[in-house]
Amino acid sequence: MVRTGISILAVVLTLALLDAGANDVAGMPARAVPDAPESKVKTWTGWFSDLQCAAPRIARGDIGPNNPDCVKRCLKDGVTPVFISEQARALFEVRDYPSVSADVGYHIELTGTLDEAGKAISVRSVKRLEYVGAFCALPNKNAGRK
């Protein structure tokens, strides 16, 4: 129990020093985020959306794009941007990619890293594959269902 308490205290102190703007802690500049090892970089296909539009559809098993106009409005209003992954059949919060709105409506190939919790993606690159528009515009809108 004492050992765990000391470990937690060490983590808290390290985070406090980083937050306070210390110049160097354990050889890392303050607020530095190390690059992920190449082995953790993955590539997925899917679509950008917003949490409000995508979450209910994913819960129903609808894997596909949402209405681009609606998504852009929601993103402009501050709703969390997400990536809908075909491979994972899930959505992930998007981090480190300010151009989500420009790629909404496109089927994309995204390369990036998942956070430790597996809930957010830090984007390294995005490649547009084709413009699809809304899920309801796809030839077989049930194709994405399980």
N, C-alpha and C. Protein backbone atom coordinates (compact mmCIF):
# COMPACT_ATOMS: atom_id res chain seq x y z
N MET A 1 0.82 -1.19 0.00
CA MET A 1 0.00 0.00 0.00
C MET A 1 0.87 1.25 0.00
N VAL A 2 1.93 1.27 0.80
CA VAL A 2 2.82 2.43 0.86
C VAL A 2 3.48 2.64 -0.50
N ARG A 3 3.91 1.55 -1.13
CA ARG A 3 4.59 1.64 -2.43
C ARG A 3 3.65 2.25 -3.48
N THR A 4 2.38 1.83 -3.50
CA THR A 4 1.40 2.37 -4.44
C THR A 4 1.19 3.86 -4.19
N GLY A 5 1.09 4.23 -2.91
CA GLY A 5 0.91 5.64 -2.57
C GLY A 5 2.08 6.49 -3.04
N ILE A 6 3.29 5.97 -2.91
CA ILE A 6 4.48 6.69 -3.37
C ILE A 6 4.46 6.83 -4.88
N SER A 7 4.07 5.77 -5.59
CA SER A 7 4.01 5.82 -7.06
C SER A 7 3.00 6.85 -7.52
N ILE A 8 1.84 6.87 -6.89
CA ILE A 8 0.81 7.84 -7.26
C ILE A 8 1.31 9.25 -6.98
N LEU A 9 1.96 9.45 -5.84
CA LEU A 9 2.50 10.76 -5.50
C LEU A 9 3.53 11.21 -6.53
N ALA A 10 4.39 10.30 -6.99
CA ALA A 10 5.40 10.63 -7.99
C ALA A 10 4.74 11.06 -9.30
N VAL A 11 3.69 10.38 -9.70
CA VAL A 11 2.98 10.74 -10.93
C VAL A 11 2.34 12.11 -10.78
N VAL A 12 1.68 12.35 -9.65
CA VAL A 12 1.03 13.64 -9.41
C VAL A 12 2.04 14.77 -9.43
N LEU A 13 3.18 14.58 -8.78
CA LEU A 13 4.22 15.62 -8.76
C LEU A 13 4.77 15.88 -10.15
N THR A 14 5.00 14.82 -10.91
CA THR A 14 5.51 14.98 -12.28
C THR A 14 4.52 15.77 -13.12
N LEU A 15 3.23 15.42 -13.03
CA LEU A 15 2.21 16.14 -13.80
C LEU A 15 2.12 17.59 -13.35
N ALA A 16 2.23 17.83 -12.05
CA ALA A 16 2.18 19.20 -11.54
C ALA A 16 3.35 20.02 -12.08
N LEU A 17 4.54 19.43 -12.13
CA LEU A 17 5.70 20.15 -12.67
C LEU A 17 5.51 20.45 -14.15
N LEU A 18 4.98 19.50 -14.89
CA LEU A 18 4.74 19.73 -16.32
C LEU A 18 3.70 20.82 -16.51
N ASP A 19 2.63 20.79 -15.71
CA ASP A 19 1.58 21.79 -15.81
C ASP A 19 2.09 23.17 -15.41
N ALA A 20 3.00 23.22 -14.46
CA ALA A 20 3.54 24.50 -13.99
C ALA A 20 4.52 25.09 -14.99
N GLY A 21 4.88 24.32 -16.02
CA GLY A 21 5.78 24.85 -17.04
C GLY A 21 7.24 24.62 -16.73
N ALA A 22 7.56 23.60 -15.98
CA ALA A 22 8.97 23.30 -15.70
C ALA A 22 9.70 23.09 -17.02
N ASN A 23 10.93 23.56 -17.09
CA ASN A 23 11.68 23.46 -18.35
C ASN A 23 12.10 22.06 -18.68
N ASP A 24 12.38 21.24 -17.68
CA ASP A 24 12.88 19.91 -18.00
C ASP A 24 12.53 18.94 -16.88
N VAL A 25 11.77 17.91 -17.20
CA VAL A 25 11.45 16.86 -16.25
C VAL A 25 11.79 15.54 -16.93
N ALA A 26 12.67 14.80 -16.35
CA ALA A 26 13.09 13.50 -16.90
C ALA A 26 13.54 13.62 -18.35
N GLY A 27 14.19 14.74 -18.68
CA GLY A 27 14.73 14.90 -20.03
C GLY A 27 13.72 15.34 -21.07
N MET A 28 12.47 15.61 -20.68
CA MET A 28 11.45 16.04 -21.65
C MET A 28 11.09 17.50 -21.39
N PRO A 29 11.01 18.30 -22.45
CA PRO A 29 10.53 19.67 -22.26
C PRO A 29 9.09 19.66 -21.77
N ALA A 30 8.68 20.71 -21.08
CA ALA A 30 7.32 20.79 -20.58
C ALA A 30 6.31 20.68 -21.71
N ARG A 31 5.22 19.93 -21.45
CA ARG A 31 4.11 19.72 -22.37
C ARG A 31 4.50 19.02 -23.66
N ALA A 32 5.65 18.41 -23.72
CA ALA A 32 6.03 17.68 -24.93
C ALA A 32 5.26 16.38 -25.01
N VAL A 33 4.83 16.04 -26.20
CA VAL A 33 4.16 14.77 -26.43
C VAL A 33 5.04 13.97 -27.36
N PRO A 34 5.62 12.87 -26.87
CA PRO A 34 6.52 12.10 -27.72
C PRO A 34 5.76 11.46 -28.87
N ASP A 35 6.42 11.33 -30.02
CA ASP A 35 5.81 10.65 -31.16
C ASP A 35 5.58 9.20 -30.80
N ALA A 36 4.49 8.67 -31.30
CA ALA A 36 4.20 7.25 -31.07
C ALA A 36 5.15 6.41 -31.90
N PRO A 37 5.57 5.28 -31.37
CA PRO A 37 6.42 4.40 -32.17
C PRO A 37 5.66 3.97 -33.42
N GLU A 38 6.40 3.76 -34.51
CA GLU A 38 5.77 3.38 -35.77
C GLU A 38 4.90 2.14 -35.63
N SER A 39 5.23 1.25 -34.70
CA SER A 39 4.44 0.03 -34.52
C SER A 39 3.02 0.33 -34.02
N LYS A 40 2.81 1.51 -33.43
CA LYS A 40 1.48 1.87 -32.94
C LYS A 40 0.67 2.66 -33.95
N VAL A 41 1.27 3.04 -35.05
CA VAL A 41 0.57 3.78 -36.09
C VAL A 41 -0.26 2.79 -36.91
N LYS A 42 -1.55 3.11 -37.08
CA LYS A 42 -2.48 2.23 -37.82
C LYS A 42 -3.18 3.03 -38.91
N THR A 43 -3.75 2.31 -39.87
CA THR A 43 -4.53 2.93 -40.93
C THR A 43 -5.91 2.28 -40.97
N TRP A 44 -6.94 3.13 -41.03
CA TRP A 44 -8.32 2.67 -41.09
C TRP A 44 -9.02 3.38 -42.25
N THR A 45 -10.16 2.86 -42.66
CA THR A 45 -11.03 3.57 -43.60
C THR A 45 -12.34 3.88 -42.89
N GLY A 46 -12.98 4.97 -43.31
CA GLY A 46 -14.24 5.35 -42.70
C GLY A 46 -14.60 6.78 -43.06
N TRP A 47 -15.25 7.47 -42.13
CA TRP A 47 -15.77 8.81 -42.37
C TRP A 47 -15.61 9.67 -41.12
N PHE A 48 -15.46 10.98 -41.34
CA PHE A 48 -15.51 11.93 -40.23
C PHE A 48 -16.97 12.28 -39.98
N SER A 49 -17.30 12.54 -38.74
CA SER A 49 -18.64 12.96 -38.36
C SER A 49 -18.53 13.75 -37.06
N ASP A 50 -19.66 13.91 -36.40
CA ASP A 50 -19.66 14.53 -35.08
C ASP A 50 -20.33 13.56 -34.12
N LEU A 51 -20.02 13.67 -32.86
CA LEU A 51 -20.50 12.72 -31.86
C LEU A 51 -22.02 12.68 -31.79
N GLN A 52 -22.66 13.83 -31.88
CA GLN A 52 -24.12 13.91 -31.75
C GLN A 52 -24.83 13.15 -32.87
N CYS A 53 -24.34 13.25 -34.09
CA CYS A 53 -24.97 12.56 -35.22
C CYS A 53 -24.57 11.09 -35.28
N ALA A 54 -23.32 10.79 -34.98
CA ALA A 54 -22.78 9.45 -35.20
C ALA A 54 -23.13 8.45 -34.09
N ALA A 55 -23.13 8.87 -32.84
CA ALA A 55 -23.31 7.92 -31.73
C ALA A 55 -24.59 7.10 -31.83
N PRO A 56 -25.76 7.72 -32.09
CA PRO A 56 -26.98 6.90 -32.19
C PRO A 56 -26.94 5.92 -33.36
N ARG A 57 -26.35 6.33 -34.46
CA ARG A 57 -26.29 5.44 -35.63
C ARG A 57 -25.37 4.25 -35.37
N ILE A 58 -24.24 4.50 -34.74
CA ILE A 58 -23.31 3.42 -34.42
C ILE A 58 -23.99 2.44 -33.46
N ALA A 59 -24.74 2.97 -32.49
CA ALA A 59 -25.43 2.12 -31.52
C ALA A 59 -26.44 1.20 -32.22
N ARG A 60 -27.01 1.66 -33.34
CA ARG A 60 -27.95 0.83 -34.11
C ARG A 60 -27.24 -0.11 -35.08
N GLY A 61 -25.92 0.07 -35.23
CA GLY A 61 -25.18 -0.77 -36.17
C GLY A 61 -25.04 -0.17 -37.55
N ASP A 62 -25.43 1.10 -37.72
CA ASP A 62 -25.31 1.79 -39.01
C ASP A 62 -23.90 2.36 -39.14
N ILE A 63 -23.07 1.70 -39.94
CA ILE A 63 -21.70 2.15 -40.15
C ILE A 63 -21.64 2.85 -41.50
N GLY A 64 -21.56 4.17 -41.48
CA GLY A 64 -21.51 4.93 -42.72
C GLY A 64 -21.50 6.41 -42.45
N PRO A 65 -21.46 7.21 -43.52
CA PRO A 65 -21.37 8.66 -43.36
C PRO A 65 -22.69 9.28 -42.92
N ASN A 66 -22.60 10.40 -42.23
CA ASN A 66 -23.78 11.18 -41.87
C ASN A 66 -23.93 12.34 -42.84
N ASN A 67 -25.07 13.02 -42.79
CA ASN A 67 -25.33 14.14 -43.68
C ASN A 67 -24.25 15.20 -43.50
N PRO A 68 -23.48 15.49 -44.56
CA PRO A 68 -22.35 16.43 -44.43
C PRO A 68 -22.76 17.82 -43.94
N ASP A 69 -23.91 18.33 -44.40
CA ASP A 69 -24.34 19.67 -43.97
C ASP A 69 -24.64 19.69 -42.48
N CYS A 70 -25.30 18.66 -42.00
CA CYS A 70 -25.62 18.56 -40.57
C CYS A 70 -24.34 18.44 -39.74
N VAL A 71 -23.43 17.58 -40.19
CA VAL A 71 -22.17 17.38 -39.46
C VAL A 71 -21.39 18.69 -39.39
N LYS A 72 -21.29 19.41 -40.49
CA LYS A 72 -20.54 20.67 -40.50
C LYS A 72 -21.16 21.68 -39.54
N ARG A 73 -22.49 21.74 -39.49
CA ARG A 73 -23.17 22.65 -38.55
C ARG A 73 -22.84 22.26 -37.10
N CYS A 74 -22.92 20.96 -36.82
CA CYS A 74 -22.64 20.50 -35.45
C CYS A 74 -21.19 20.79 -35.05
N LEU A 75 -20.25 20.53 -35.97
CA LEU A 75 -18.84 20.81 -35.68
C LEU A 75 -18.62 22.30 -35.43
N LYS A 76 -19.28 23.13 -36.23
CA LYS A 76 -19.16 24.58 -36.06
C LYS A 76 -19.71 25.01 -34.69
N ASP A 77 -20.73 24.29 -34.21
CA ASP A 77 -21.33 24.59 -32.91
C ASP A 77 -20.56 23.98 -31.74
N GLY A 78 -19.44 23.29 -32.04
CA GLY A 78 -18.58 22.78 -30.98
C GLY A 78 -18.79 21.33 -30.58
N VAL A 79 -19.60 20.59 -31.34
CA VAL A 79 -19.79 19.17 -31.03
C VAL A 79 -18.48 18.44 -31.34
N THR A 80 -18.13 17.44 -30.55
CA THR A 80 -16.88 16.70 -30.68
C THR A 80 -16.78 16.00 -32.04
N PRO A 81 -15.66 16.21 -32.77
CA PRO A 81 -15.46 15.49 -34.03
C PRO A 81 -15.09 14.03 -33.76
N VAL A 82 -15.61 13.13 -34.60
CA VAL A 82 -15.31 11.71 -34.44
C VAL A 82 -14.97 11.10 -35.80
N PHE A 83 -14.32 9.95 -35.74
CA PHE A 83 -14.03 9.15 -36.93
C PHE A 83 -14.81 7.85 -36.80
N ILE A 84 -15.58 7.51 -37.83
CA ILE A 84 -16.33 6.25 -37.87
C ILE A 84 -15.48 5.25 -38.63
N SER A 85 -15.02 4.22 -37.94
CA SER A 85 -14.12 3.23 -38.53
C SER A 85 -14.90 2.03 -39.06
N GLU A 86 -14.66 1.69 -40.33
CA GLU A 86 -15.28 0.50 -40.90
C GLU A 86 -14.70 -0.76 -40.26
N GLN A 87 -13.40 -0.78 -40.03
CA GLN A 87 -12.75 -1.98 -39.49
C GLN A 87 -13.18 -2.26 -38.05
N ALA A 88 -13.20 -1.23 -37.22
CA ALA A 88 -13.54 -1.42 -35.81
C ALA A 88 -15.06 -1.41 -35.59
N ARG A 89 -15.81 -0.94 -36.60
CA ARG A 89 -17.26 -0.79 -36.48
C ARG A 89 -17.59 0.01 -35.22
N ALA A 90 -16.86 1.11 -35.07
CA ALA A 90 -16.98 1.96 -33.88
C ALA A 90 -16.58 3.38 -34.24
N LEU A 91 -16.77 4.28 -33.29
CA LEU A 91 -16.33 5.66 -33.52
C LEU A 91 -15.29 6.03 -32.49
N PHE A 92 -14.43 6.96 -32.89
CA PHE A 92 -13.33 7.42 -32.05
C PHE A 92 -13.27 8.94 -32.10
N GLU A 93 -13.03 9.56 -30.96
CA GLU A 93 -12.84 11.01 -30.91
C GLU A 93 -11.60 11.36 -31.74
N VAL A 94 -11.69 12.47 -32.48
CA VAL A 94 -10.57 12.91 -33.33
C VAL A 94 -9.77 13.97 -32.59
N ARG A 95 -8.46 13.77 -32.54
CA ARG A 95 -7.54 14.74 -31.92
C ARG A 95 -6.51 15.17 -32.95
N ASP A 96 -5.98 16.33 -32.78
CA ASP A 96 -4.85 16.82 -33.58
C ASP A 96 -5.15 16.91 -35.07
N TYR A 97 -6.39 17.25 -35.43
CA TYR A 97 -6.70 17.39 -36.86
C TYR A 97 -7.75 18.48 -37.02
N PRO A 98 -7.31 19.72 -37.24
CA PRO A 98 -8.24 20.84 -37.30
C PRO A 98 -9.08 20.90 -38.58
N SER A 99 -8.77 20.08 -39.59
CA SER A 99 -9.45 20.16 -40.89
C SER A 99 -10.54 19.11 -41.07
N VAL A 100 -11.16 18.65 -39.99
CA VAL A 100 -12.20 17.63 -40.09
C VAL A 100 -13.32 18.09 -41.04
N SER A 101 -13.79 19.32 -40.89
CA SER A 101 -14.91 19.82 -41.70
C SER A 101 -14.65 19.73 -43.19
N ALA A 102 -13.41 19.96 -43.60
CA ALA A 102 -13.08 19.93 -45.03
C ALA A 102 -13.22 18.53 -45.62
N ASP A 103 -13.10 17.49 -44.79
CA ASP A 103 -13.15 16.11 -45.28
C ASP A 103 -14.48 15.41 -44.97
N VAL A 104 -15.43 16.12 -44.38
CA VAL A 104 -16.74 15.53 -44.09
C VAL A 104 -17.43 15.20 -45.41
N GLY A 105 -18.03 14.03 -45.46
CA GLY A 105 -18.73 13.58 -46.67
C GLY A 105 -17.89 12.67 -47.54
N TYR A 106 -16.58 12.67 -47.29
CA TYR A 106 -15.67 11.82 -48.07
C TYR A 106 -15.42 10.51 -47.34
N HIS A 107 -15.36 9.42 -48.10
CA HIS A 107 -14.85 8.16 -47.58
C HIS A 107 -13.35 8.38 -47.54
N ILE A 108 -12.73 8.14 -46.39
CA ILE A 108 -11.31 8.49 -46.22
C ILE A 108 -10.50 7.30 -45.72
N GLU A 109 -9.20 7.45 -45.89
CA GLU A 109 -8.23 6.54 -45.28
C GLU A 109 -7.47 7.39 -44.27
N LEU A 110 -7.56 7.01 -43.00
CA LEU A 110 -6.95 7.78 -41.92
C LEU A 110 -5.80 6.98 -41.33
N THR A 111 -4.67 7.64 -41.16
CA THR A 111 -3.52 7.03 -40.49
C THR A 111 -3.28 7.79 -39.20
N GLY A 112 -3.13 7.06 -38.10
CA GLY A 112 -2.91 7.71 -36.82
C GLY A 112 -2.69 6.71 -35.71
N THR A 113 -2.78 7.19 -34.48
CA THR A 113 -2.58 6.33 -33.32
C THR A 113 -3.76 6.45 -32.37
N LEU A 114 -4.13 5.33 -31.77
CA LEU A 114 -5.17 5.33 -30.75
C LEU A 114 -4.56 5.69 -29.41
N ASP A 115 -5.32 6.40 -28.58
CA ASP A 115 -4.82 6.68 -27.23
C ASP A 115 -4.85 5.39 -26.41
N GLU A 116 -4.30 5.45 -25.22
CA GLU A 116 -4.19 4.26 -24.37
C GLU A 116 -5.55 3.65 -24.04
N ALA A 117 -6.57 4.47 -23.92
CA ALA A 117 -7.91 3.97 -23.59
C ALA A 117 -8.62 3.41 -24.82
N GLY A 118 -8.07 3.67 -26.01
CA GLY A 118 -8.69 3.18 -27.24
C GLY A 118 -9.95 3.94 -27.61
N LYS A 119 -10.04 5.21 -27.18
CA LYS A 119 -11.25 5.99 -27.43
C LYS A 119 -11.02 7.20 -28.34
N ALA A 120 -9.77 7.55 -28.59
CA ALA A 120 -9.47 8.73 -29.40
C ALA A 120 -8.31 8.45 -30.34
N ILE A 121 -8.36 9.09 -31.50
CA ILE A 121 -7.31 8.93 -32.51
C ILE A 121 -6.57 10.25 -32.68
N SER A 122 -5.25 10.19 -32.64
CA SER A 122 -4.42 11.33 -33.03
C SER A 122 -4.09 11.11 -34.50
N VAL A 123 -4.51 12.03 -35.33
CA VAL A 123 -4.41 11.87 -36.78
C VAL A 123 -3.03 12.25 -37.28
N ARG A 124 -2.45 11.40 -38.10
CA ARG A 124 -1.18 11.70 -38.78
C ARG A 124 -1.43 12.14 -40.21
N SER A 125 -2.34 11.45 -40.90
CA SER A 125 -2.65 11.82 -42.28
C SER A 125 -4.04 11.35 -42.66
N VAL A 126 -4.62 12.02 -43.66
CA VAL A 126 -5.93 11.67 -44.18
C VAL A 126 -5.84 11.69 -45.70
N LYS A 127 -6.36 10.64 -46.31
CA LYS A 127 -6.41 10.55 -47.77
C LYS A 127 -7.87 10.38 -48.18
N ARG A 128 -8.35 11.30 -49.03
CA ARG A 128 -9.72 11.18 -49.53
C ARG A 128 -9.79 10.05 -50.56
N LEU A 129 -10.76 9.16 -50.39
CA LEU A 129 -10.94 8.07 -51.33
C LEU A 129 -12.02 8.40 -52.36
N GLU A 130 -13.19 8.83 -51.90
CA GLU A 130 -14.27 9.25 -52.80
C GLU A 130 -15.28 10.04 -52.00
N TYR A 131 -16.03 10.90 -52.72
CA TYR A 131 -17.09 11.64 -52.05
C TYR A 131 -18.33 10.75 -52.01
N VAL A 132 -18.91 10.58 -50.84
CA VAL A 132 -20.08 9.73 -50.70
C VAL A 132 -21.31 10.53 -50.30
N GLY A 133 -21.13 11.58 -49.54
CA GLY A 133 -22.26 12.35 -49.05
C GLY A 133 -22.86 11.70 -47.82
N ALA A 134 -24.19 11.62 -47.79
CA ALA A 134 -24.89 11.09 -46.62
C ALA A 134 -25.11 9.58 -46.73
N PHE A 135 -25.27 8.95 -45.59
CA PHE A 135 -25.52 7.51 -45.50
C PHE A 135 -26.72 7.11 -46.35
N CYS A 136 -27.78 7.93 -46.30
CA CYS A 136 -29.00 7.60 -47.04
C CYS A 136 -28.80 7.70 -48.55
N ALA A 137 -27.71 8.33 -48.99
CA ALA A 137 -27.44 8.45 -50.43
C ALA A 137 -26.71 7.24 -50.99
N LEU A 138 -26.24 6.35 -50.13
CA LEU A 138 -25.53 5.16 -50.60
C LEU A 138 -26.51 4.22 -51.30
N PRO A 139 -26.05 3.49 -52.33
CA PRO A 139 -26.94 2.60 -53.07
C PRO A 139 -27.67 1.59 -52.18
N ASN A 140 -26.99 0.99 -51.23
CA ASN A 140 -27.62 0.04 -50.31
C ASN A 140 -27.31 0.50 -48.91
N LYS A 141 -28.18 1.35 -48.35
CA LYS A 141 -27.88 1.95 -47.06
C LYS A 141 -27.82 0.95 -45.92
N ASN A 142 -28.29 -0.26 -46.12
CA ASN A 142 -28.20 -1.28 -45.08
C ASN A 142 -26.93 -2.10 -45.19
N ALA A 143 -26.09 -1.81 -46.18
CA ALA A 143 -24.86 -2.59 -46.38
C ALA A 143 -23.93 -2.48 -45.19
N GLY A 144 -23.99 -1.37 -44.46
CA GLY A 144 -23.10 -1.18 -43.33
C GLY A 144 -23.55 -1.87 -42.05
N ARG A 145 -24.76 -2.41 -42.05
CA ARG A 145 -25.27 -3.07 -40.83
C ARG A 145 -24.69 -4.45 -40.66
N LYS A 146 -24.65 -4.88 -39.41
CA LYS A 146 -24.16 -6.23 -39.09
C LYS A 146 -25.11 -7.28 -39.63
